[in-house]
Amino acid sequence: GGSPANSGLVILRVVRLTRVFRVFKLSKYNEGIQVVGAALKNSTDALSLLLFLTTITVVLFGSGIFYAEQGAAYFDEDNRTWVRRNDFGGPSEKHHFQSIPE
């Protein structure tokens, strides 16, 4: 059970939602919106292919970056900071990116 204040908010949300649907209802009278809608409907195959290829590209490049940086940094509990190993034999250094959430 909700309080009367919450039910008032629900009614307000429903009114706002009907205002959003009114915009979609007006689109059937606007020729420009109809043209855009028809163009999107006719190009769903191309757009879905674009979305699929973009997803594959992001996954492949993300995996490549993850593999390339694997083991490059570790979290130093004593200093509460990320430390990057130096592959050339020098001392480890504080990592440039310190905004990684805990």
PDB file of N, CA and C in Angstrom:
ATOM      1  N   GLY A   1       0.808  -1.181   0.000  1.00  0.00           N
ATOM      2  CA  GLY A   1       0.000   0.000   0.000  1.00  0.00           C
ATOM      3  C   GLY A   1       0.848   1.239   0.000  1.00  0.00           C
ATOM      4  N   GLY A   2       0.458   2.197  -0.842  1.00  0.00           N
ATOM      5  CA  GLY A   2       1.183   3.449  -0.887  1.00  0.00           C
ATOM      6  C   GLY A   2       0.442   4.525  -0.135  1.00  0.00           C
ATOM      7  N   SER A   3       1.154   5.546   0.236  1.00  0.00           N
ATOM      8  CA  SER A   3       0.547   6.661   0.940  1.00  0.00           C
ATOM      9  C   SER A   3      -0.162   7.568  -0.062  1.00  0.00           C
ATOM     10  N   PRO A   4      -1.032   8.463   0.404  1.00  0.00           N
ATOM     11  CA  PRO A   4      -1.727   9.378  -0.511  1.00  0.00           C
ATOM     12  C   PRO A   4      -0.761  10.272  -1.291  1.00  0.00           C
ATOM     13  N   ALA A   5       0.366  10.631  -0.685  1.00  0.00           N
ATOM     14  CA  ALA A   5       1.346  11.461  -1.389  1.00  0.00           C
ATOM     15  C   ALA A   5       1.939  10.714  -2.577  1.00  0.00           C
ATOM     16  N   ASN A   6       2.206   9.415  -2.396  1.00  0.00           N
ATOM     17  CA  ASN A   6       2.757   8.620  -3.487  1.00  0.00           C
ATOM     18  C   ASN A   6       1.745   8.434  -4.607  1.00  0.00           C
ATOM     19  N   SER A   7       0.462   8.277  -4.275  1.00  0.00           N
ATOM     20  CA  SER A   7      -0.541   8.114  -5.313  1.00  0.00           C
ATOM     21  C   SER A   7      -0.687   9.398  -6.126  1.00  0.00           C
ATOM     22  N   GLY A   8      -0.507  10.543  -5.484  1.00  0.00           N
ATOM     23  CA  GLY A   8      -0.522  11.814  -6.211  1.00  0.00           C
ATOM     24  C   GLY A   8       0.624  11.901  -7.198  1.00  0.00           C
ATOM     25  N   LEU A   9       1.799  11.386  -6.801  1.00  0.00           N
ATOM     26  CA  LEU A   9       2.937  11.381  -7.705  1.00  0.00           C
ATOM     27  C   LEU A   9       2.712  10.439  -8.875  1.00  0.00           C
ATOM     28  N   VAL A  10       2.048   9.325  -8.631  1.00  0.00           N
ATOM     29  CA  VAL A  10       1.761   8.380  -9.699  1.00  0.00           C
ATOM     30  C   VAL A  10       0.831   9.024 -10.727  1.00  0.00           C
ATOM     31  N   ILE A  11      -0.177   9.740 -10.259  1.00  0.00           N
ATOM     32  CA  ILE A  11      -1.093  10.424 -11.174  1.00  0.00           C
ATOM     33  C   ILE A  11      -0.350  11.466 -11.989  1.00  0.00           C
ATOM     34  N   LEU A  12       0.564  12.195 -11.351  1.00  0.00           N
ATOM     35  CA  LEU A  12       1.356  13.194 -12.056  1.00  0.00           C
ATOM     36  C   LEU A  12       2.227  12.536 -13.121  1.00  0.00           C
ATOM     37  N   ARG A  13       2.803  11.397 -12.833  1.00  0.00           N
ATOM     38  CA  ARG A  13       3.621  10.678 -13.814  1.00  0.00           C
ATOM     39  C   ARG A  13       2.790  10.207 -14.995  1.00  0.00           C
ATOM     40  N   VAL A  14       1.581   9.751 -14.734  1.00  0.00           N
ATOM     41  CA  VAL A  14       0.700   9.314 -15.817  1.00  0.00           C
ATOM     42  C   VAL A  14       0.348  10.485 -16.720  1.00  0.00           C
ATOM     43  N   VAL A  15       0.082  11.643 -16.127  1.00  0.00           N
ATOM     44  CA  VAL A  15      -0.229  12.836 -16.922  1.00  0.00           C
ATOM     45  C   VAL A  15       0.968  13.211 -17.782  1.00  0.00           C
ATOM     46  N   ARG A  16       2.165  13.169 -17.234  1.00  0.00           N
ATOM     47  CA  ARG A  16       3.373  13.465 -18.012  1.00  0.00           C
ATOM     48  C   ARG A  16       3.549  12.467 -19.143  1.00  0.00           C
ATOM     49  N   LEU A  17       3.271  11.211 -18.881  1.00  0.00           N
ATOM     50  CA  LEU A  17       3.412  10.183 -19.900  1.00  0.00           C
ATOM     51  C   LEU A  17       2.429  10.407 -21.047  1.00  0.00           C
ATOM     52  N   THR A  18       1.211  10.822 -20.738  1.00  0.00           N
ATOM     53  CA  THR A  18       0.250  11.091 -21.808  1.00  0.00           C
ATOM     54  C   THR A  18       0.684  12.278 -22.656  1.00  0.00           C
ATOM     55  N   ARG A  19       1.378  13.237 -22.065  1.00  0.00           N
ATOM     56  CA  ARG A  19       1.891  14.366 -22.850  1.00  0.00           C
ATOM     57  C   ARG A  19       2.967  13.894 -23.830  1.00  0.00           C
ATOM     58  N   VAL A  20       3.794  12.905 -23.424  1.00  0.00           N
ATOM     59  CA  VAL A  20       4.805  12.359 -24.327  1.00  0.00           C
ATOM     60  C   VAL A  20       4.137  11.636 -25.489  1.00  0.00           C
ATOM     61  N   PHE A  21       3.089  10.863 -25.200  1.00  0.00           N
ATOM     62  CA  PHE A  21       2.388  10.144 -26.259  1.00  0.00           C
ATOM     63  C   PHE A  21       1.687  11.098 -27.214  1.00  0.00           C
ATOM     64  N   ARG A  22       1.297  12.275 -26.747  1.00  0.00           N
ATOM     65  CA  ARG A  22       0.661  13.259 -27.618  1.00  0.00           C
ATOM     66  C   ARG A  22       1.620  13.715 -28.722  1.00  0.00           C
ATOM     67  N   VAL A  23       2.912  13.811 -28.404  1.00  0.00           N
ATOM     68  CA  VAL A  23       3.907  14.172 -29.410  1.00  0.00           C
ATOM     69  C   VAL A  23       3.950  13.118 -30.508  1.00  0.00           C
ATOM     70  N   PHE A  24       3.913  11.838 -30.124  1.00  0.00           N
ATOM     71  CA  PHE A  24       3.912  10.777 -31.125  1.00  0.00           C
ATOM     72  C   PHE A  24       2.628  10.805 -31.948  1.00  0.00           C
ATOM     73  N   LYS A  25       1.530  11.178 -31.325  1.00  0.00           N
ATOM     74  CA  LYS A  25       0.257  11.254 -32.034  1.00  0.00           C
ATOM     75  C   LYS A  25       0.299  12.360 -33.083  1.00  0.00           C
ATOM     76  N   LEU A  26       0.959  13.468 -32.766  1.00  0.00           N
ATOM     77  CA  LEU A  26       1.071  14.566 -33.714  1.00  0.00           C
ATOM     78  C   LEU A  26       1.950  14.219 -34.901  1.00  0.00           C
ATOM     79  N   SER A  27       2.798  13.213 -34.753  1.00  0.00           N
ATOM     80  CA  SER A  27       3.711  12.878 -35.844  1.00  0.00           C
ATOM     81  C   SER A  27       2.986  12.387 -37.082  1.00  0.00           C
ATOM     82  N   LYS A  28       1.773  11.866 -36.935  1.00  0.00           N
ATOM     83  CA  LYS A  28       1.073  11.395 -38.123  1.00  0.00           C
ATOM     84  C   LYS A  28       0.577  12.556 -38.976  1.00  0.00           C
ATOM     85  N   TYR A  29       0.566  13.775 -38.439  1.00  0.00           N
ATOM     86  CA  TYR A  29       0.154  14.947 -39.205  1.00  0.00           C
ATOM     87  C   TYR A  29       1.346  15.714 -39.777  1.00  0.00           C
ATOM     88  N   ASN A  30       2.549  15.390 -39.351  1.00  0.00           N
ATOM     89  CA  ASN A  30       3.738  16.098 -39.808  1.00  0.00           C
ATOM     90  C   ASN A  30       4.437  15.254 -40.864  1.00  0.00           C
ATOM     91  N   GLU A  31       4.554  15.800 -42.070  1.00  0.00           N
ATOM     92  CA  GLU A  31       5.125  15.044 -43.181  1.00  0.00           C
ATOM     93  C   GLU A  31       6.613  14.765 -42.980  1.00  0.00           C
ATOM     94  N   GLY A  32       7.334  15.696 -42.375  1.00  0.00           N
ATOM     95  CA  GLY A  32       8.771  15.500 -42.150  1.00  0.00           C
ATOM     96  C   GLY A  32       9.046  14.323 -41.223  1.00  0.00           C
ATOM     97  N   ILE A  33       8.270  14.214 -40.165  1.00  0.00           N
ATOM     98  CA  ILE A  33       8.445  13.102 -39.236  1.00  0.00           C
ATOM     99  C   ILE A  33       8.053  11.786 -39.905  1.00  0.00           C
ATOM    100  N   GLN A  34       7.038  11.830 -40.765  1.00  0.00           N
ATOM    101  CA  GLN A  34       6.648  10.625 -41.494  1.00  0.00           C
ATOM    102  C   GLN A  34       7.744  10.165 -42.434  1.00  0.00           C
ATOM    103  N   VAL A  35       8.426  11.110 -43.080  1.00  0.00           N
ATOM    104  CA  VAL A  35       9.529  10.756 -43.992  1.00  0.00           C
ATOM    105  C   VAL A  35      10.669  10.124 -43.207  1.00  0.00           C
ATOM    106  N   VAL A  36      11.016  10.709 -42.071  1.00  0.00           N
ATOM    107  CA  VAL A  36      12.090  10.145 -41.247  1.00  0.00           C
ATOM    108  C   VAL A  36      11.709   8.755 -40.757  1.00  0.00           C
ATOM    109  N   GLY A  37      10.477   8.594 -40.308  1.00  0.00           N
ATOM    110  CA  GLY A  37      10.016   7.280 -39.851  1.00  0.00           C
ATOM    111  C   GLY A  37      10.056   6.245 -40.964  1.00  0.00           C
ATOM    112  N   ALA A  38       9.622   6.637 -42.167  1.00  0.00           N
ATOM    113  CA  ALA A  38       9.662   5.700 -43.300  1.00  0.00           C
ATOM    114  C   ALA A  38      11.095   5.345 -43.675  1.00  0.00           C
ATOM    115  N   ALA A  39      11.988   6.333 -43.618  1.00  0.00           N
ATOM    116  CA  ALA A  39      13.395   6.063 -43.940  1.00  0.00           C
ATOM    117  C   ALA A  39      14.012   5.100 -42.938  1.00  0.00           C
ATOM    118  N   LEU A  40      13.710   5.296 -41.647  1.00  0.00           N
ATOM    119  CA  LEU A  40      14.222   4.374 -40.630  1.00  0.00           C
ATOM    120  C   LEU A  40      13.644   2.981 -40.806  1.00  0.00           C
ATOM    121  N   LYS A  41      12.362   2.907 -41.147  1.00  0.00           N
ATOM    122  CA  LYS A  41      11.722   1.601 -41.345  1.00  0.00           C
ATOM    123  C   LYS A  41      12.324   0.874 -42.547  1.00  0.00           C
ATOM    124  N   ASN A  42      12.606   1.618 -43.620  1.00  0.00           N
ATOM    125  CA  ASN A  42      13.174   1.002 -44.829  1.00  0.00           C
ATOM    126  C   ASN A  42      14.635   0.601 -44.655  1.00  0.00           C
ATOM    127  N   SER A  43      15.318   1.209 -43.695  1.00  0.00           N
ATOM    128  CA  SER A  43      16.745   0.915 -43.529  1.00  0.00           C
ATOM    129  C   SER A  43      17.039   0.097 -42.282  1.00  0.00           C
ATOM    130  N   THR A  44      16.066  -0.626 -41.761  1.00  0.00           N
ATOM    131  CA  THR A  44      16.311  -1.409 -40.545  1.00  0.00           C
ATOM    132  C   THR A  44      17.346  -2.509 -40.777  1.00  0.00           C
ATOM    133  N   ASP A  45      17.374  -3.116 -41.964  1.00  0.00           N
ATOM    134  CA  ASP A  45      18.381  -4.146 -42.229  1.00  0.00           C
ATOM    135  C   ASP A  45      19.790  -3.563 -42.176  1.00  0.00           C
ATOM    136  N   ALA A  46      19.991  -2.420 -42.835  1.00  0.00           N
ATOM    137  CA  ALA A  46      21.307  -1.788 -42.847  1.00  0.00           C
ATOM    138  C   ALA A  46      21.703  -1.305 -41.458  1.00  0.00           C
ATOM    139  N   LEU A  47      20.748  -0.739 -40.722  1.00  0.00           N
ATOM    140  CA  LEU A  47      21.062  -0.254 -39.375  1.00  0.00           C
ATOM    141  C   LEU A  47      21.362  -1.395 -38.416  1.00  0.00           C
ATOM    142  N   SER A  48      20.651  -2.512 -38.557  1.00  0.00           N
ATOM    143  CA  SER A  48      20.945  -3.647 -37.686  1.00  0.00           C
ATOM    144  C   SER A  48      22.311  -4.244 -38.008  1.00  0.00           C
ATOM    145  N   LEU A  49      22.676  -4.273 -39.295  1.00  0.00           N
ATOM    146  CA  LEU A  49      24.011  -4.739 -39.668  1.00  0.00           C
ATOM    147  C   LEU A  49      25.079  -3.802 -39.112  1.00  0.00           C
ATOM    148  N   LEU A  50      24.840  -2.496 -39.201  1.00  0.00           N
ATOM    149  CA  LEU A  50      25.778  -1.523 -38.642  1.00  0.00           C
ATOM    150  C   LEU A  50      25.944  -1.716 -37.141  1.00  0.00           C
ATOM    151  N   LEU A  51      24.844  -1.911 -36.429  1.00  0.00           N
ATOM    152  CA  LEU A  51      24.898  -2.142 -34.985  1.00  0.00           C
ATOM    153  C   LEU A  51      25.659  -3.422 -34.657  1.00  0.00           C
ATOM    154  N   PHE A  52      25.402  -4.481 -35.415  1.00  0.00           N
ATOM    155  CA  PHE A  52      26.094  -5.753 -35.198  1.00  0.00           C
ATOM    156  C   PHE A  52      27.598  -5.611 -35.430  1.00  0.00           C
ATOM    157  N   LEU A  53      27.989  -4.993 -36.541  1.00  0.00           N
ATOM    158  CA  LEU A  53      29.417  -4.842 -36.834  1.00  0.00           C
ATOM    159  C   LEU A  53      30.106  -3.914 -35.834  1.00  0.00           C
ATOM    160  N   THR A  54      29.400  -2.885 -35.384  1.00  0.00           N
ATOM    161  CA  THR A  54      29.973  -1.998 -34.374  1.00  0.00           C
ATOM    162  C   THR A  54      30.190  -2.745 -33.061  1.00  0.00           C
ATOM    163  N   THR A  55      29.237  -3.590 -32.682  1.00  0.00           N
ATOM    164  CA  THR A  55      29.379  -4.382 -31.464  1.00  0.00           C
ATOM    165  C   THR A  55      30.554  -5.338 -31.560  1.00  0.00           C
ATOM    166  N   ILE A  56      30.683  -6.026 -32.685  1.00  0.00           N
ATOM    167  CA  ILE A  56      31.809  -6.940 -32.891  1.00  0.00           C
ATOM    168  C   ILE A  56      33.134  -6.186 -32.825  1.00  0.00           C
ATOM    169  N   THR A  57      33.192  -5.005 -33.450  1.00  0.00           N
ATOM    170  CA  THR A  57      34.424  -4.205 -33.442  1.00  0.00           C
ATOM    171  C   THR A  57      34.790  -3.769 -32.032  1.00  0.00           C
ATOM    172  N   VAL A  58      33.812  -3.317 -31.265  1.00  0.00           N
ATOM    173  CA  VAL A  58      34.081  -2.880 -29.887  1.00  0.00           C
ATOM    174  C   VAL A  58      34.577  -4.047 -29.042  1.00  0.00           C
ATOM    175  N   VAL A  59      33.956  -5.208 -29.194  1.00  0.00           N
ATOM    176  CA  VAL A  59      34.376  -6.378 -28.412  1.00  0.00           C
ATOM    177  C   VAL A  59      35.789  -6.803 -28.801  1.00  0.00           C
ATOM    178  N   LEU A  60      36.095  -6.847 -30.096  1.00  0.00           N
ATOM    179  CA  LEU A  60      37.433  -7.266 -30.531  1.00  0.00           C
ATOM    180  C   LEU A  60      38.517  -6.296 -30.074  1.00  0.00           C
ATOM    181  N   PHE A  61      38.302  -4.992 -30.286  1.00  0.00           N
ATOM    182  CA  PHE A  61      39.313  -4.029 -29.866  1.00  0.00           C
ATOM    183  C   PHE A  61      39.430  -3.957 -28.352  1.00  0.00           C
ATOM    184  N   GLY A  62      38.311  -4.078 -27.646  1.00  0.00           N
ATOM    185  CA  GLY A  62      38.361  -4.092 -26.184  1.00  0.00           C
ATOM    186  C   GLY A  62      39.133  -5.292 -25.664  1.00  0.00           C
ATOM    187  N   SER A  63      38.924  -6.452 -26.293  1.00  0.00           N
ATOM    188  CA  SER A  63      39.662  -7.650 -25.902  1.00  0.00           C
ATOM    189  C   SER A  63      41.151  -7.497 -26.194  1.00  0.00           C
ATOM    190  N   GLY A  64      41.449  -6.875 -27.330  1.00  0.00           N
ATOM    191  CA  GLY A  64      42.860  -6.642 -27.679  1.00  0.00           C
ATOM    192  C   GLY A  64      43.547  -5.722 -26.689  1.00  0.00           C
ATOM    193  N   ILE A  65      42.890  -4.648 -26.297  1.00  0.00           N
ATOM    194  CA  ILE A  65      43.463  -3.725 -25.311  1.00  0.00           C
ATOM    195  C   ILE A  65      43.608  -4.415 -23.955  1.00  0.00           C
ATOM    196  N   PHE A  66      42.608  -5.196 -23.567  1.00  0.00           N
ATOM    197  CA  PHE A  66      42.687  -5.927 -22.303  1.00  0.00           C
ATOM    198  C   PHE A  66      43.873  -6.881 -22.317  1.00  0.00           C
ATOM    199  N   TYR A  67      44.064  -7.597 -23.417  1.00  0.00           N
ATOM    200  CA  TYR A  67      45.176  -8.540 -23.521  1.00  0.00           C
ATOM    201  C   TYR A  67      46.512  -7.802 -23.526  1.00  0.00           C
ATOM    202  N   ALA A  68      46.586  -6.660 -24.222  1.00  0.00           N
ATOM    203  CA  ALA A  68      47.840  -5.904 -24.305  1.00  0.00           C
ATOM    204  C   ALA A  68      48.241  -5.317 -22.958  1.00  0.00           C
ATOM    205  N   GLU A  69      47.266  -4.926 -22.142  1.00  0.00           N
ATOM    206  CA  GLU A  69      47.571  -4.302 -20.855  1.00  0.00           C
ATOM    207  C   GLU A  69      47.524  -5.278 -19.696  1.00  0.00           C
ATOM    208  N   GLN A  70      47.375  -6.530 -19.971  1.00  0.00           N
ATOM    209  CA  GLN A  70      47.237  -7.528 -18.912  1.00  0.00           C
ATOM    210  C   GLN A  70      48.462  -7.536 -18.010  1.00  0.00           C
ATOM    211  N   GLY A  71      48.236  -7.346 -16.729  1.00  0.00           N
ATOM    212  CA  GLY A  71      49.329  -7.383 -15.759  1.00  0.00           C
ATOM    213  C   GLY A  71      50.186  -6.135 -15.740  1.00  0.00           C
ATOM    214  N   ALA A  72      49.755  -5.077 -16.418  1.00  0.00           N
ATOM    215  CA  ALA A  72      50.569  -3.869 -16.476  1.00  0.00           C
ATOM    216  C   ALA A  72      50.460  -3.041 -15.206  1.00  0.00           C
ATOM    217  N   ALA A  73      49.387  -3.225 -14.440  1.00  0.00           N
ATOM    218  CA  ALA A  73      49.200  -2.427 -13.229  1.00  0.00           C
ATOM    219  C   ALA A  73      48.625  -3.300 -12.122  1.00  0.00           C
ATOM    220  N   TYR A  74      48.905  -2.882 -10.892  1.00  0.00           N
ATOM    221  CA  TYR A  74      48.345  -3.569  -9.729  1.00  0.00           C
ATOM    222  C   TYR A  74      48.018  -2.517  -8.676  1.00  0.00           C
ATOM    223  N   PHE A  75      47.146  -2.878  -7.758  1.00  0.00           N
ATOM    224  CA  PHE A  75      46.726  -1.942  -6.715  1.00  0.00           C
ATOM    225  C   PHE A  75      47.583  -2.141  -5.481  1.00  0.00           C
ATOM    226  N   ASP A  76      48.272  -1.087  -5.050  1.00  0.00           N
ATOM    227  CA  ASP A  76      49.103  -1.107  -3.850  1.00  0.00           C
ATOM    228  C   ASP A  76      48.231  -0.743  -2.649  1.00  0.00           C
ATOM    229  N   GLU A  77      47.945  -1.749  -1.806  1.00  0.00           N
ATOM    230  CA  GLU A  77      47.067  -1.541  -0.650  1.00  0.00           C
ATOM    231  C   GLU A  77      47.668  -0.574   0.367  1.00  0.00           C
ATOM    232  N   ASP A  78      48.991  -0.567   0.510  1.00  0.00           N
ATOM    233  CA  ASP A  78      49.627   0.310   1.499  1.00  0.00           C
ATOM    234  C   ASP A  78      49.435   1.785   1.150  1.00  0.00           C
ATOM    235  N   ASN A  79      49.665   2.134  -0.118  1.00  0.00           N
ATOM    236  CA  ASN A  79      49.552   3.528  -0.555  1.00  0.00           C
ATOM    237  C   ASN A  79      48.170   3.863  -1.108  1.00  0.00           C
ATOM    238  N   ARG A  80      47.291   2.832  -1.233  1.00  0.00           N
ATOM    239  CA  ARG A  80      45.951   3.003  -1.784  1.00  0.00           C
ATOM    240  C   ARG A  80      45.988   3.672  -3.154  1.00  0.00           C
ATOM    241  N   THR A  81      46.848   3.159  -4.050  1.00  0.00           N
ATOM    242  CA  THR A  81      46.998   3.726  -5.381  1.00  0.00           C
ATOM    243  C   THR A  81      47.335   2.630  -6.387  1.00  0.00           C
ATOM    244  N   TRP A  82      47.077   2.894  -7.648  1.00  0.00           N
ATOM    245  CA  TRP A  82      47.446   1.959  -8.712  1.00  0.00           C
ATOM    246  C   TRP A  82      48.896   2.194  -9.092  1.00  0.00           C
ATOM    247  N   VAL A  83      49.658   1.121  -9.277  1.00  0.00           N
ATOM    248  CA  VAL A  83      51.072   1.200  -9.616  1.00  0.00           C
ATOM    249  C   VAL A  83      51.296   0.447 -10.916  1.00  0.00           C
ATOM    250  N   ARG A  84      52.072   1.070 -11.815  1.00  0.00           N
ATOM    251  CA  ARG A  84      52.359   0.459 -13.109  1.00  0.00           C
ATOM    252  C   ARG A  84      53.777  -0.094 -13.094  1.00  0.00           C
ATOM    253  N   ARG A  85      53.901  -1.358 -13.513  1.00  0.00           N
ATOM    254  CA  ARG A  85      55.222  -1.983 -13.588  1.00  0.00           C
ATOM    255  C   ARG A  85      55.991  -1.402 -14.766  1.00  0.00           C
ATOM    256  N   ASN A  86      57.285  -1.249 -14.582  1.00  0.00           N
ATOM    257  CA  ASN A  86      58.144  -0.779 -15.660  1.00  0.00           C
ATOM    258  C   ASN A  86      58.752  -1.995 -16.344  1.00  0.00           C
ATOM    259  N   ASP A  87      58.442  -2.190 -17.615  1.00  0.00           N
ATOM    260  CA  ASP A  87      58.924  -3.361 -18.357  1.00  0.00           C
ATOM    261  C   ASP A  87      60.396  -3.268 -18.726  1.00  0.00           C
ATOM    262  N   PHE A  88      61.012  -2.102 -18.545  1.00  0.00           N
ATOM    263  CA  PHE A  88      62.400  -1.927 -18.954  1.00  0.00           C
ATOM    264  C   PHE A  88      63.376  -2.009 -17.792  1.00  0.00           C
ATOM    265  N   GLY A  89      62.941  -2.544 -16.658  1.00  0.00           N
ATOM    266  CA  GLY A  89      63.842  -2.782 -15.545  1.00  0.00           C
ATOM    267  C   GLY A  89      63.919  -1.660 -14.539  1.00  0.00           C
ATOM    268  N   GLY A  90      63.297  -0.530 -14.797  1.00  0.00           N
ATOM    269  CA  GLY A  90      63.325   0.589 -13.865  1.00  0.00           C
ATOM    270  C   GLY A  90      62.332   0.375 -12.740  1.00  0.00           C
ATOM    271  N   PRO A  91      62.273   1.339 -11.833  1.00  0.00           N
ATOM    272  CA  PRO A  91      61.346   1.204 -10.707  1.00  0.00           C
ATOM    273  C   PRO A  91      59.890   1.356 -11.177  1.00  0.00           C
ATOM    274  N   SER A  92      58.997   0.744 -10.420  1.00  0.00           N
ATOM    275  CA  SER A  92      57.573   0.904 -10.722  1.00  0.00           C
ATOM    276  C   SER A  92      57.165   2.337 -10.436  1.00  0.00           C
ATOM    277  N   GLU A  93      56.169   2.820 -11.154  1.00  0.00           N
ATOM    278  CA  GLU A  93      55.735   4.205 -10.988  1.00  0.00           C
ATOM    279  C   GLU A  93      54.236   4.266 -10.739  1.00  0.00           C
ATOM    280  N   LYS A  94      53.816   5.360 -10.117  1.00  0.00           N
ATOM    281  CA  LYS A  94      52.402   5.572  -9.844  1.00  0.00           C
ATOM    282  C   LYS A  94      51.658   5.694 -11.170  1.00  0.00           C
ATOM    283  N   HIS A  95      50.516   4.991 -11.276  1.00  0.00           N
ATOM    284  CA  HIS A  95      49.746   5.008 -12.516  1.00  0.00           C
ATOM    285  C   HIS A  95      49.096   6.370 -12.702  1.00  0.00           C
ATOM    286  N   HIS A  96      48.973   6.822 -13.955  1.00  0.00           N
ATOM    287  CA  HIS A  96      48.417   8.138 -14.246  1.00  0.00           C
ATOM    288  C   HIS A  96      46.909   8.211 -13.926  1.00  0.00           C
ATOM    289  N   PHE A  97      46.221   7.093 -14.045  1.00  0.00           N
ATOM    290  CA  PHE A  97      44.776   7.084 -13.840  1.00  0.00           C
ATOM    291  C   PHE A  97      44.469   6.662 -12.403  1.00  0.00           C
ATOM    292  N   GLN A  98      44.080   7.623 -11.586  1.00  0.00           N
ATOM    293  CA  GLN A  98      43.788   7.345 -10.187  1.00  0.00           C
ATOM    294  C   GLN A  98      42.300   7.440  -9.888  1.00  0.00           C
ATOM    295  N   SER A  99      41.471   7.652 -10.900  1.00  0.00           N
ATOM    296  CA  SER A  99      40.044   7.845 -10.655  1.00  0.00           C
ATOM    297  C   SER A  99      39.256   6.540 -10.762  1.00  0.00           C
ATOM    298  N   ILE A 100      39.920   5.396 -10.725  1.00  0.00           N
ATOM    299  CA  ILE A 100      39.226   4.130 -10.801  1.00  0.00           C
ATOM    300  C   ILE A 100      38.465   3.922  -9.496  1.00  0.00           C
ATOM    301  N   PRO A 101      37.138   3.744  -9.571  1.00  0.00           N
ATOM    302  CA  PRO A 101      36.369   3.608  -8.328  1.00  0.00           C
ATOM    303  C   PRO A 101      36.713   2.319  -7.590  1.00  0.00           C
ATOM    304  N   GLU A 102      36.574   2.386  -6.284  1.00  0.00           N
ATOM    305  CA  GLU A 102      36.900   1.227  -5.455  1.00  0.00           C
ATOM    306  C   GLU A 102      35.747   0.286  -5.363  1.00  0.00           C
TER     307      GLU A 102
END
